[in-house]
Amino acid sequence: MAVALLLCVMSGRHKVDAFFLKLNSRTLVVASEHDEELLRHIKTGHPTKLTFKRVRNYEFHKKYFALIQFAFDYWEPENQVGEKNFNQFREDIIILAGYYHRYIRLDSTTRIKAKSISFAKMSEDEFEKLYTKTIDVVIKHICQQFTGDMLRQTIEMAEGFEK
């Protein structure tokens, strides 16, 4: 059985979190195309510091991203002026779900920033609540014809997740 690991890669001043699956005592493989893309930014032969951390419930994390990806692909913005951006979409969903920080800027305006969903920043209980609220947000703003159960089943069937 593969063990999921979170690998923090420190290269210069940049920190990148990527997920790997440990296949045996000598082999790590990237867990997704996204993680593979992150590693492409590290120059071959460049000294890199690695920090390993075993993650909790990696499958649920993948399920969350499958939900966000499904919603992003399904979403058709009105009056599209710019291009669709997955990371901005994900942050907007998190904010609409009520998981954000509010900051006062130098000009006295307020800035809202999505909470981090990294394993180090969000507990598993909080992440499960975010998942439930994310389903509500996706139904309200994107997939109005879906029920919560229909959306959950769609994600589970499309991605091969067990209940």
C-alpha atoms as a PDB file:
ATOM      1  CA  MET A   1       0.000   0.000   0.000  1.00  0.00           C
ATOM      2  CA  ALA A   2       1.294   3.432  -0.898  1.00  0.00           C
ATOM      3  CA  VAL A   3       1.837   5.970   1.879  1.00  0.00           C
ATOM      4  CA  ALA A   4       0.980   9.593   1.156  1.00  0.00           C
ATOM      5  CA  LEU A   5       3.591  12.171   2.120  1.00  0.00           C
ATOM      6  CA  LEU A   6       3.694  15.932   1.935  1.00  0.00           C
ATOM      7  CA  LEU A   7       7.075  17.075   0.712  1.00  0.00           C
ATOM      8  CA  CYS A   8       8.057  20.671   1.423  1.00  0.00           C
ATOM      9  CA  VAL A   9      10.735  21.710  -1.001  1.00  0.00           C
ATOM     10  CA  MET A  10      12.884  24.690  -0.065  1.00  0.00           C
ATOM     11  CA  SER A  11      14.842  26.059  -2.984  1.00  0.00           C
ATOM     12  CA  GLY A  12      16.357  29.435  -2.276  1.00  0.00           C
ATOM     13  CA  ARG A  13      13.627  31.589  -0.697  1.00  0.00           C
ATOM     14  CA  HIS A  14      10.769  29.667  -2.276  1.00  0.00           C
ATOM     15  CA  LYS A  15       8.784  26.994  -0.464  1.00  0.00           C
ATOM     16  CA  VAL A  16       6.672  24.563  -2.455  1.00  0.00           C
ATOM     17  CA  ASP A  17       4.371  21.894  -1.050  1.00  0.00           C
ATOM     18  CA  ALA A  18       4.020  18.832  -3.241  1.00  0.00           C
ATOM     19  CA  PHE A  19       2.430  15.471  -2.533  1.00  0.00           C
ATOM     20  CA  PHE A  20       4.128  12.164  -3.152  1.00  0.00           C
ATOM     21  CA  LEU A  21       3.242   8.535  -2.721  1.00  0.00           C
ATOM     22  CA  LYS A  22       5.857   6.274  -1.199  1.00  0.00           C
ATOM     23  CA  LEU A  23       5.789   3.036  -3.155  1.00  0.00           C
ATOM     24  CA  ASN A  24       8.642   1.254  -1.351  1.00  0.00           C
ATOM     25  CA  SER A  25      11.681   2.112   0.756  1.00  0.00           C
ATOM     26  CA  ARG A  26      13.461   3.733  -2.200  1.00  0.00           C
ATOM     27  CA  THR A  27      10.743   5.132  -4.436  1.00  0.00           C
ATOM     28  CA  LEU A  28       8.607   8.270  -4.245  1.00  0.00           C
ATOM     29  CA  VAL A  29       6.289   9.273  -7.088  1.00  0.00           C
ATOM     30  CA  VAL A  30       4.336  12.506  -7.514  1.00  0.00           C
ATOM     31  CA  ALA A  31       0.720  12.170  -6.456  1.00  0.00           C
ATOM     32  CA  SER A  32      -0.771  14.315  -9.237  1.00  0.00           C
ATOM     33  CA  GLU A  33      -0.006  16.268 -12.373  1.00  0.00           C
ATOM     34  CA  HIS A  34      -0.166  19.448 -10.275  1.00  0.00           C
ATOM     35  CA  ASP A  35       2.618  18.137  -8.012  1.00  0.00           C
ATOM     36  CA  GLU A  36       4.674  17.125 -11.024  1.00  0.00           C
ATOM     37  CA  GLU A  37       4.316  20.644 -12.419  1.00  0.00           C
ATOM     38  CA  LEU A  38       5.576  22.111  -9.129  1.00  0.00           C
ATOM     39  CA  LEU A  39       8.716  19.993  -9.326  1.00  0.00           C
ATOM     40  CA  ARG A  40       9.446  21.162 -12.862  1.00  0.00           C
ATOM     41  CA  HIS A  41      10.258  24.584 -11.392  1.00  0.00           C
ATOM     42  CA  ILE A  42      13.219  23.180  -9.439  1.00  0.00           C
ATOM     43  CA  LYS A  43      16.398  23.306 -11.472  1.00  0.00           C
ATOM     44  CA  THR A  44      18.199  20.005 -11.944  1.00  0.00           C
ATOM     45  CA  GLY A  45      21.389  19.952  -9.877  1.00  0.00           C
ATOM     46  CA  HIS A  46      20.233  22.903  -7.727  1.00  0.00           C
ATOM     47  CA  PRO A  47      20.678  22.314  -3.973  1.00  0.00           C
ATOM     48  CA  THR A  48      17.244  21.744  -2.469  1.00  0.00           C
ATOM     49  CA  LYS A  49      16.152  21.172   1.125  1.00  0.00           C
ATOM     50  CA  LEU A  50      13.403  18.585   1.628  1.00  0.00           C
ATOM     51  CA  THR A  51      11.127  18.237   4.656  1.00  0.00           C
ATOM     52  CA  PHE A  52       8.823  15.232   4.882  1.00  0.00           C
ATOM     53  CA  LYS A  53       5.512  15.156   6.682  1.00  0.00           C
ATOM     54  CA  ARG A  54       3.005  12.323   6.659  1.00  0.00           C
ATOM     55  CA  VAL A  55      -0.399  13.743   5.826  1.00  0.00           C
ATOM     56  CA  ARG A  56      -3.775  12.951   7.309  1.00  0.00           C
ATOM     57  CA  ASN A  57      -6.527  11.709   5.035  1.00  0.00           C
ATOM     58  CA  TYR A  58      -4.897  12.513   1.729  1.00  0.00           C
ATOM     59  CA  GLU A  59      -7.787  10.853  -0.160  1.00  0.00           C
ATOM     60  CA  PHE A  60     -10.230  13.388   1.289  1.00  0.00           C
ATOM     61  CA  HIS A  61      -7.895  16.210   0.196  1.00  0.00           C
ATOM     62  CA  LYS A  62      -7.922  14.786  -3.341  1.00  0.00           C
ATOM     63  CA  LYS A  63     -11.710  14.511  -3.183  1.00  0.00           C
ATOM     64  CA  TYR A  64     -11.955  18.206  -2.273  1.00  0.00           C
ATOM     65  CA  PHE A  65      -9.826  19.159  -5.265  1.00  0.00           C
ATOM     66  CA  ALA A  66     -11.918  16.880  -7.496  1.00  0.00           C
ATOM     67  CA  LEU A  67     -15.005  18.804  -6.339  1.00  0.00           C
ATOM     68  CA  ILE A  68     -13.341  22.155  -7.056  1.00  0.00           C
ATOM     69  CA  GLN A  69     -12.091  20.960 -10.459  1.00  0.00           C
ATOM     70  CA  PHE A  70     -15.572  19.674 -11.382  1.00  0.00           C
ATOM     71  CA  ALA A  71     -17.132  23.001 -10.391  1.00  0.00           C
ATOM     72  CA  PHE A  72     -14.455  24.960 -12.286  1.00  0.00           C
ATOM     73  CA  ASP A  73     -14.977  22.910 -15.450  1.00  0.00           C
ATOM     74  CA  TYR A  74     -18.770  23.242 -15.132  1.00  0.00           C
ATOM     75  CA  TRP A  75     -18.679  26.992 -14.462  1.00  0.00           C
ATOM     76  CA  GLU A  76     -19.471  29.350 -17.336  1.00  0.00           C
ATOM     77  CA  PRO A  77     -18.802  32.932 -16.222  1.00  0.00           C
ATOM     78  CA  GLU A  78     -21.143  35.671 -17.336  1.00  0.00           C
ATOM     79  CA  ASN A  79     -19.689  38.671 -19.177  1.00  0.00           C
ATOM     80  CA  GLN A  80     -16.291  37.016 -19.416  1.00  0.00           C
ATOM     81  CA  VAL A  81     -13.662  39.709 -19.930  1.00  0.00           C
ATOM     82  CA  GLY A  82     -10.568  37.898 -18.636  1.00  0.00           C
ATOM     83  CA  GLU A  83      -9.602  34.259 -18.555  1.00  0.00           C
ATOM     84  CA  LYS A  84     -10.746  31.654 -16.070  1.00  0.00           C
ATOM     85  CA  ASN A  85      -8.134  30.974 -13.391  1.00  0.00           C
ATOM     86  CA  PHE A  86      -8.363  27.823 -11.254  1.00  0.00           C
ATOM     87  CA  ASN A  87      -6.473  29.196  -8.242  1.00  0.00           C
ATOM     88  CA  GLN A  88      -8.575  32.363  -8.125  1.00  0.00           C
ATOM     89  CA  PHE A  89     -11.716  30.249  -8.506  1.00  0.00           C
ATOM     90  CA  ARG A  90     -10.636  27.974  -5.632  1.00  0.00           C
ATOM     91  CA  GLU A  91      -9.921  30.965  -3.392  1.00  0.00           C
ATOM     92  CA  ASP A  92     -13.283  32.538  -4.263  1.00  0.00           C
ATOM     93  CA  ILE A  93     -15.088  29.300  -3.368  1.00  0.00           C
ATOM     94  CA  ILE A  94     -13.272  29.158  -0.012  1.00  0.00           C
ATOM     95  CA  ILE A  95     -14.220  32.775   0.722  1.00  0.00           C
ATOM     96  CA  LEU A  96     -17.869  32.196  -0.239  1.00  0.00           C
ATOM     97  CA  ALA A  97     -17.852  29.172   2.089  1.00  0.00           C
ATOM     98  CA  GLY A  98     -16.935  31.564   4.918  1.00  0.00           C
ATOM     99  CA  TYR A  99     -13.287  30.579   5.333  1.00  0.00           C
ATOM    100  CA  TYR A 100     -11.323  33.798   5.027  1.00  0.00           C
ATOM    101  CA  HIS A 101      -9.326  36.432   6.868  1.00  0.00           C
ATOM    102  CA  ARG A 102     -10.221  40.117   6.700  1.00  0.00           C
ATOM    103  CA  TYR A 103      -7.387  42.649   6.601  1.00  0.00           C
ATOM    104  CA  ILE A 104      -7.314  46.430   6.760  1.00  0.00           C
ATOM    105  CA  ARG A 105      -5.087  47.907   4.091  1.00  0.00           C
ATOM    106  CA  LEU A 106      -2.951  51.023   4.282  1.00  0.00           C
ATOM    107  CA  ASP A 107      -5.614  52.997   2.410  1.00  0.00           C
ATOM    108  CA  SER A 108      -8.199  51.863   5.049  1.00  0.00           C
ATOM    109  CA  THR A 109     -10.002  49.564   2.626  1.00  0.00           C
ATOM    110  CA  THR A 110     -10.704  45.977   3.590  1.00  0.00           C
ATOM    111  CA  ARG A 111      -9.116  43.020   1.864  1.00  0.00           C
ATOM    112  CA  ILE A 112     -10.519  39.514   2.165  1.00  0.00           C
ATOM    113  CA  LYS A 113      -8.151  36.601   1.683  1.00  0.00           C
ATOM    114  CA  ALA A 114      -9.052  32.905   1.580  1.00  0.00           C
ATOM    115  CA  LYS A 115      -7.830  30.803   4.491  1.00  0.00           C
ATOM    116  CA  SER A 116      -5.070  28.385   3.669  1.00  0.00           C
ATOM    117  CA  ILE A 117      -6.183  24.786   3.331  1.00  0.00           C
ATOM    118  CA  SER A 118      -2.675  23.405   3.770  1.00  0.00           C
ATOM    119  CA  PHE A 119      -2.372  20.515   6.181  1.00  0.00           C
ATOM    120  CA  ALA A 120      -0.304  22.684   8.513  1.00  0.00           C
ATOM    121  CA  LYS A 121      -2.877  25.502   8.591  1.00  0.00           C
ATOM    122  CA  MET A 122      -6.266  23.742   8.681  1.00  0.00           C
ATOM    123  CA  SER A 123      -7.306  20.865  10.927  1.00  0.00           C
ATOM    124  CA  GLU A 124      -9.032  17.843   9.492  1.00  0.00           C
ATOM    125  CA  ASP A 125     -12.291  18.746  11.286  1.00  0.00           C
ATOM    126  CA  GLU A 126     -12.247  22.258   9.844  1.00  0.00           C
ATOM    127  CA  PHE A 127     -11.412  20.871   6.393  1.00  0.00           C
ATOM    128  CA  GLU A 128     -14.410  18.514   6.540  1.00  0.00           C
ATOM    129  CA  LYS A 129     -16.664  21.473   7.415  1.00  0.00           C
ATOM    130  CA  LEU A 130     -15.161  23.443   4.520  1.00  0.00           C
ATOM    131  CA  TYR A 131     -15.932  20.527   2.180  1.00  0.00           C
ATOM    132  CA  THR A 132     -19.586  20.520   3.239  1.00  0.00           C
ATOM    133  CA  LYS A 133     -19.886  24.291   2.868  1.00  0.00           C
ATOM    134  CA  THR A 134     -18.094  24.128  -0.490  1.00  0.00           C
ATOM    135  CA  ILE A 135     -20.798  21.787  -1.768  1.00  0.00           C
ATOM    136  CA  ASP A 136     -23.396  24.351  -0.678  1.00  0.00           C
ATOM    137  CA  VAL A 137     -21.520  27.161  -2.467  1.00  0.00           C
ATOM    138  CA  VAL A 138     -21.112  25.146  -5.667  1.00  0.00           C
ATOM    139  CA  ILE A 139     -24.832  24.310  -5.721  1.00  0.00           C
ATOM    140  CA  LYS A 140     -25.865  27.911  -5.021  1.00  0.00           C
ATOM    141  CA  HIS A 141     -23.553  29.604  -7.526  1.00  0.00           C
ATOM    142  CA  ILE A 142     -22.678  27.053 -10.213  1.00  0.00           C
ATOM    143  CA  CYS A 143     -24.661  23.793 -10.252  1.00  0.00           C
ATOM    144  CA  GLN A 144     -28.129  24.998  -9.265  1.00  0.00           C
ATOM    145  CA  GLN A 145     -29.859  21.912 -10.666  1.00  0.00           C
ATOM    146  CA  PHE A 146     -27.853  19.571  -8.386  1.00  0.00           C
ATOM    147  CA  THR A 147     -28.718  18.498  -4.863  1.00  0.00           C
ATOM    148  CA  GLY A 148     -25.970  17.913  -2.323  1.00  0.00           C
ATOM    149  CA  ASP A 149     -26.314  14.146  -2.688  1.00  0.00           C
ATOM    150  CA  MET A 150     -26.272  14.349  -6.475  1.00  0.00           C
ATOM    151  CA  LEU A 151     -23.095  16.431  -6.434  1.00  0.00           C
ATOM    152  CA  ARG A 152     -21.382  14.102  -3.943  1.00  0.00           C
ATOM    153  CA  GLN A 153     -22.309  11.049  -6.033  1.00  0.00           C
ATOM    154  CA  THR A 154     -21.107  12.725  -9.222  1.00  0.00           C
ATOM    155  CA  ILE A 155     -17.702  13.471  -7.682  1.00  0.00           C
ATOM    156  CA  GLU A 156     -17.395   9.986  -6.197  1.00  0.00           C
ATOM    157  CA  MET A 157     -18.306   8.266  -9.465  1.00  0.00           C
ATOM    158  CA  ALA A 158     -16.190  10.533 -11.662  1.00  0.00           C
ATOM    159  CA  GLU A 159     -13.114  10.196  -9.505  1.00  0.00           C
ATOM    160  CA  GLY A 160     -13.583   6.626  -8.247  1.00  0.00           C
ATOM    161  CA  PHE A 161     -13.795   7.590  -4.569  1.00  0.00           C
ATOM    162  CA  GLU A 162     -15.412   5.336  -2.006  1.00  0.00           C
ATOM    163  CA  LYS A 163     -18.113   6.661   0.260  1.00  0.00           C
END
